[in-house]
Amino acid sequence: MGKRIFREWHYFKLSITSFDQDIDNDHIIDQMTWRQWSNGALKRSYGIFGEGVEYSFLHVDDKIAYVRVNYADKDIFASSISTYISTEDLIGAPLTVTILQESSSLKLLEITEHDRIWLKRAVEEEEDDSKCT
């Protein structure tokens, strides 16, 4: 029998867009807006169980976010964000999110050149965490 690999995290690269192009171009989406949107999606799709999904933002760059989700909750997270359209409450127009990429390895995420610094730090933290367990 082969060695079994335990995965604690699953990673997503997400893109957020508005249905109103003018608002989409004028607003910068900060981490708080991303978090409110994600919490709304999880709560709408799975109620109290959705609120219990463990996730964190590794990096937010306006309309692109990199998120790590507990591996056991990756399917719940993916289905929630794929089917949810927010109300106009967050920025004045409904928002929707697209999954650009998902991976079970942080190192496999597609990033731009200016993302290398935070990615390197995140990989180092992940390696340190795995040494402690």
C-alpha atoms as a PDB file:
ATOM      1  CA  MET A   1       0.000   0.000   0.000  1.00  0.00           C
ATOM      2  CA  GLY A   2       1.354   3.452  -0.940  1.00  0.00           C
ATOM      3  CA  LYS A   3       2.085   6.305   1.379  1.00  0.00           C
ATOM      4  CA  ARG A   4      -1.028   8.329   2.141  1.00  0.00           C
ATOM      5  CA  ILE A   5      -0.637  12.104   1.923  1.00  0.00           C
ATOM      6  CA  PHE A   6      -2.586  14.218   4.376  1.00  0.00           C
ATOM      7  CA  ARG A   7      -3.674  17.536   2.907  1.00  0.00           C
ATOM      8  CA  GLU A   8      -4.822  20.221   5.273  1.00  0.00           C
ATOM      9  CA  TRP A   9      -5.415  22.986   2.715  1.00  0.00           C
ATOM     10  CA  HIS A  10      -6.773  23.509  -0.760  1.00  0.00           C
ATOM     11  CA  TYR A  11      -6.088  26.717  -2.690  1.00  0.00           C
ATOM     12  CA  PHE A  12      -8.233  28.869  -4.942  1.00  0.00           C
ATOM     13  CA  LYS A  13      -7.469  31.774  -7.244  1.00  0.00           C
ATOM     14  CA  LEU A  14     -10.680  33.784  -7.588  1.00  0.00           C
ATOM     15  CA  SER A  15     -11.907  36.701  -9.659  1.00  0.00           C
ATOM     16  CA  ILE A  16     -14.780  38.975  -8.635  1.00  0.00           C
ATOM     17  CA  THR A  17     -16.873  41.012 -11.079  1.00  0.00           C
ATOM     18  CA  SER A  18     -19.880  43.257 -10.982  1.00  0.00           C
ATOM     19  CA  PHE A  19     -22.858  43.299 -13.285  1.00  0.00           C
ATOM     20  CA  ASP A  20     -22.383  47.058 -13.682  1.00  0.00           C
ATOM     21  CA  GLN A  21     -19.260  47.818 -15.724  1.00  0.00           C
ATOM     22  CA  ASP A  22     -19.049  51.430 -14.462  1.00  0.00           C
ATOM     23  CA  ILE A  23     -19.104  50.342 -10.824  1.00  0.00           C
ATOM     24  CA  ASP A  24     -16.752  47.457 -11.634  1.00  0.00           C
ATOM     25  CA  ASN A  25     -14.170  49.886 -13.015  1.00  0.00           C
ATOM     26  CA  ASP A  26     -14.602  52.495 -10.248  1.00  0.00           C
ATOM     27  CA  HIS A  27     -14.420  50.272  -7.157  1.00  0.00           C
ATOM     28  CA  ILE A  28     -11.414  48.569  -5.674  1.00  0.00           C
ATOM     29  CA  ILE A  29     -12.455  45.403  -3.893  1.00  0.00           C
ATOM     30  CA  ASP A  30     -10.709  45.131  -0.537  1.00  0.00           C
ATOM     31  CA  GLN A  31     -10.288  42.084   1.663  1.00  0.00           C
ATOM     32  CA  MET A  32     -13.269  43.037   3.836  1.00  0.00           C
ATOM     33  CA  THR A  33     -15.564  43.100   0.792  1.00  0.00           C
ATOM     34  CA  TRP A  34     -14.176  39.734  -0.337  1.00  0.00           C
ATOM     35  CA  ARG A  35     -14.768  38.308   3.145  1.00  0.00           C
ATOM     36  CA  GLN A  36     -18.329  39.645   3.341  1.00  0.00           C
ATOM     37  CA  TRP A  37     -19.094  38.251  -0.103  1.00  0.00           C
ATOM     38  CA  SER A  38     -17.603  34.827   0.748  1.00  0.00           C
ATOM     39  CA  ASN A  39     -19.417  34.626   4.082  1.00  0.00           C
ATOM     40  CA  GLY A  40     -22.674  35.527   2.330  1.00  0.00           C
ATOM     41  CA  ALA A  41     -22.125  32.795  -0.254  1.00  0.00           C
ATOM     42  CA  LEU A  42     -21.359  30.145   2.360  1.00  0.00           C
ATOM     43  CA  LYS A  43     -24.285  31.134   4.576  1.00  0.00           C
ATOM     44  CA  ARG A  44     -26.749  31.258   1.671  1.00  0.00           C
ATOM     45  CA  SER A  45     -25.718  27.851   0.353  1.00  0.00           C
ATOM     46  CA  TYR A  46     -25.129  25.885   3.552  1.00  0.00           C
ATOM     47  CA  GLY A  47     -26.569  27.923   6.432  1.00  0.00           C
ATOM     48  CA  ILE A  48     -24.895  27.421   9.783  1.00  0.00           C
ATOM     49  CA  PHE A  49     -22.674  24.672   8.336  1.00  0.00           C
ATOM     50  CA  GLY A  50     -21.397  27.086   5.696  1.00  0.00           C
ATOM     51  CA  GLU A  51     -20.496  29.582   8.391  1.00  0.00           C
ATOM     52  CA  GLY A  52     -18.219  26.934   9.898  1.00  0.00           C
ATOM     53  CA  VAL A  53     -16.064  26.520   6.793  1.00  0.00           C
ATOM     54  CA  GLU A  54     -12.443  27.352   7.601  1.00  0.00           C
ATOM     55  CA  TYR A  55     -10.798  29.599   5.022  1.00  0.00           C
ATOM     56  CA  SER A  56      -8.381  32.507   4.897  1.00  0.00           C
ATOM     57  CA  PHE A  57      -7.147  34.983   2.346  1.00  0.00           C
ATOM     58  CA  LEU A  58      -3.506  34.583   1.402  1.00  0.00           C
ATOM     59  CA  HIS A  59      -3.534  37.688  -0.789  1.00  0.00           C
ATOM     60  CA  VAL A  60      -6.084  40.107  -2.225  1.00  0.00           C
ATOM     61  CA  ASP A  61      -5.237  42.280  -5.199  1.00  0.00           C
ATOM     62  CA  ASP A  62      -8.440  44.167  -6.006  1.00  0.00           C
ATOM     63  CA  LYS A  63     -10.544  41.784  -8.095  1.00  0.00           C
ATOM     64  CA  ILE A  64      -8.238  38.764  -7.697  1.00  0.00           C
ATOM     65  CA  ALA A  65      -7.982  36.841  -4.432  1.00  0.00           C
ATOM     66  CA  TYR A  66      -5.974  33.821  -3.356  1.00  0.00           C
ATOM     67  CA  VAL A  67      -7.741  31.775  -0.716  1.00  0.00           C
ATOM     68  CA  ARG A  68      -6.830  28.691   1.266  1.00  0.00           C
ATOM     69  CA  VAL A  69      -9.649  26.474   2.436  1.00  0.00           C
ATOM     70  CA  ASN A  70      -9.616  23.503   4.748  1.00  0.00           C
ATOM     71  CA  TYR A  71      -9.254  20.504   2.420  1.00  0.00           C
ATOM     72  CA  ALA A  72     -12.344  18.808   3.847  1.00  0.00           C
ATOM     73  CA  ASP A  73     -14.436  21.896   2.995  1.00  0.00           C
ATOM     74  CA  LYS A  74     -13.118  22.576  -0.515  1.00  0.00           C
ATOM     75  CA  ASP A  75     -16.199  21.249  -2.316  1.00  0.00           C
ATOM     76  CA  ILE A  76     -18.569  23.214  -0.078  1.00  0.00           C
ATOM     77  CA  PHE A  77     -16.535  26.383  -0.656  1.00  0.00           C
ATOM     78  CA  ALA A  78     -16.348  25.855  -4.430  1.00  0.00           C
ATOM     79  CA  SER A  79     -20.052  25.165  -4.868  1.00  0.00           C
ATOM     80  CA  SER A  80     -21.014  28.109  -2.650  1.00  0.00           C
ATOM     81  CA  ILE A  81     -18.987  30.693  -4.507  1.00  0.00           C
ATOM     82  CA  SER A  82     -19.822  29.278  -7.914  1.00  0.00           C
ATOM     83  CA  THR A  83     -23.569  29.665  -7.460  1.00  0.00           C
ATOM     84  CA  TYR A  84     -23.880  32.851  -5.392  1.00  0.00           C
ATOM     85  CA  ILE A  85     -24.699  36.334  -6.669  1.00  0.00           C
ATOM     86  CA  SER A  86     -24.645  39.011  -3.985  1.00  0.00           C
ATOM     87  CA  THR A  87     -27.128  41.814  -3.552  1.00  0.00           C
ATOM     88  CA  GLU A  88     -26.224  45.425  -4.293  1.00  0.00           C
ATOM     89  CA  ASP A  89     -25.354  46.030  -0.624  1.00  0.00           C
ATOM     90  CA  LEU A  90     -21.567  45.635  -0.896  1.00  0.00           C
ATOM     91  CA  ILE A  91     -20.634  48.077  -3.683  1.00  0.00           C
ATOM     92  CA  GLY A  92     -23.925  49.193  -5.212  1.00  0.00           C
ATOM     93  CA  ALA A  93     -24.217  46.376  -7.775  1.00  0.00           C
ATOM     94  CA  PRO A  94     -24.457  42.576  -7.562  1.00  0.00           C
ATOM     95  CA  LEU A  95     -21.139  40.708  -7.467  1.00  0.00           C
ATOM     96  CA  THR A  96     -20.233  37.272  -8.726  1.00  0.00           C
ATOM     97  CA  VAL A  97     -17.036  35.247  -8.349  1.00  0.00           C
ATOM     98  CA  THR A  98     -15.325  32.948 -10.818  1.00  0.00           C
ATOM     99  CA  ILE A  99     -12.827  30.253  -9.858  1.00  0.00           C
ATOM    100  CA  LEU A 100      -9.786  30.887 -12.037  1.00  0.00           C
ATOM    101  CA  GLN A 101      -7.761  28.037 -10.579  1.00  0.00           C
ATOM    102  CA  GLU A 102      -7.768  25.549  -7.743  1.00  0.00           C
ATOM    103  CA  SER A 103      -4.959  23.382  -6.507  1.00  0.00           C
ATOM    104  CA  SER A 104      -4.046  21.119  -3.624  1.00  0.00           C
ATOM    105  CA  SER A 105      -0.541  22.624  -3.719  1.00  0.00           C
ATOM    106  CA  LEU A 106       0.228  26.244  -2.979  1.00  0.00           C
ATOM    107  CA  LYS A 107       3.281  26.070  -5.229  1.00  0.00           C
ATOM    108  CA  LEU A 108       1.139  25.258  -8.282  1.00  0.00           C
ATOM    109  CA  LEU A 109      -0.952  28.444  -8.186  1.00  0.00           C
ATOM    110  CA  GLU A 110      -0.529  30.628 -11.236  1.00  0.00           C
ATOM    111  CA  ILE A 111       0.727  34.017 -10.111  1.00  0.00           C
ATOM    112  CA  THR A 112       2.128  37.190 -11.594  1.00  0.00           C
ATOM    113  CA  GLU A 113       5.672  38.391 -11.030  1.00  0.00           C
ATOM    114  CA  HIS A 114       4.687  40.861  -8.291  1.00  0.00           C
ATOM    115  CA  ASP A 115       2.946  38.027  -6.381  1.00  0.00           C
ATOM    116  CA  ARG A 116       6.186  36.140  -5.785  1.00  0.00           C
ATOM    117  CA  ILE A 117       6.930  37.834  -2.445  1.00  0.00           C
ATOM    118  CA  TRP A 118       3.689  36.911  -0.669  1.00  0.00           C
ATOM    119  CA  LEU A 119       3.707  33.437  -2.253  1.00  0.00           C
ATOM    120  CA  LYS A 120       7.234  32.755  -1.014  1.00  0.00           C
ATOM    121  CA  ARG A 121       6.237  33.834   2.509  1.00  0.00           C
ATOM    122  CA  ALA A 122       3.084  31.680   2.401  1.00  0.00           C
ATOM    123  CA  VAL A 123       5.038  28.618   1.228  1.00  0.00           C
ATOM    124  CA  GLU A 124       7.599  29.118   4.019  1.00  0.00           C
ATOM    125  CA  GLU A 125       4.838  29.423   6.634  1.00  0.00           C
ATOM    126  CA  GLU A 126       3.153  26.283   5.316  1.00  0.00           C
ATOM    127  CA  GLU A 127       6.445  24.347   5.471  1.00  0.00           C
ATOM    128  CA  ASP A 128       7.085  25.590   9.018  1.00  0.00           C
ATOM    129  CA  ASP A 129       3.583  24.511  10.052  1.00  0.00           C
ATOM    130  CA  SER A 130       4.081  21.038   8.617  1.00  0.00           C
ATOM    131  CA  LYS A 131       7.351  20.634  10.559  1.00  0.00           C
ATOM    132  CA  CYS A 132       5.566  21.439  13.815  1.00  0.00           C
ATOM    133  CA  THR A 133       2.892  18.767  13.374  1.00  0.00           C
END
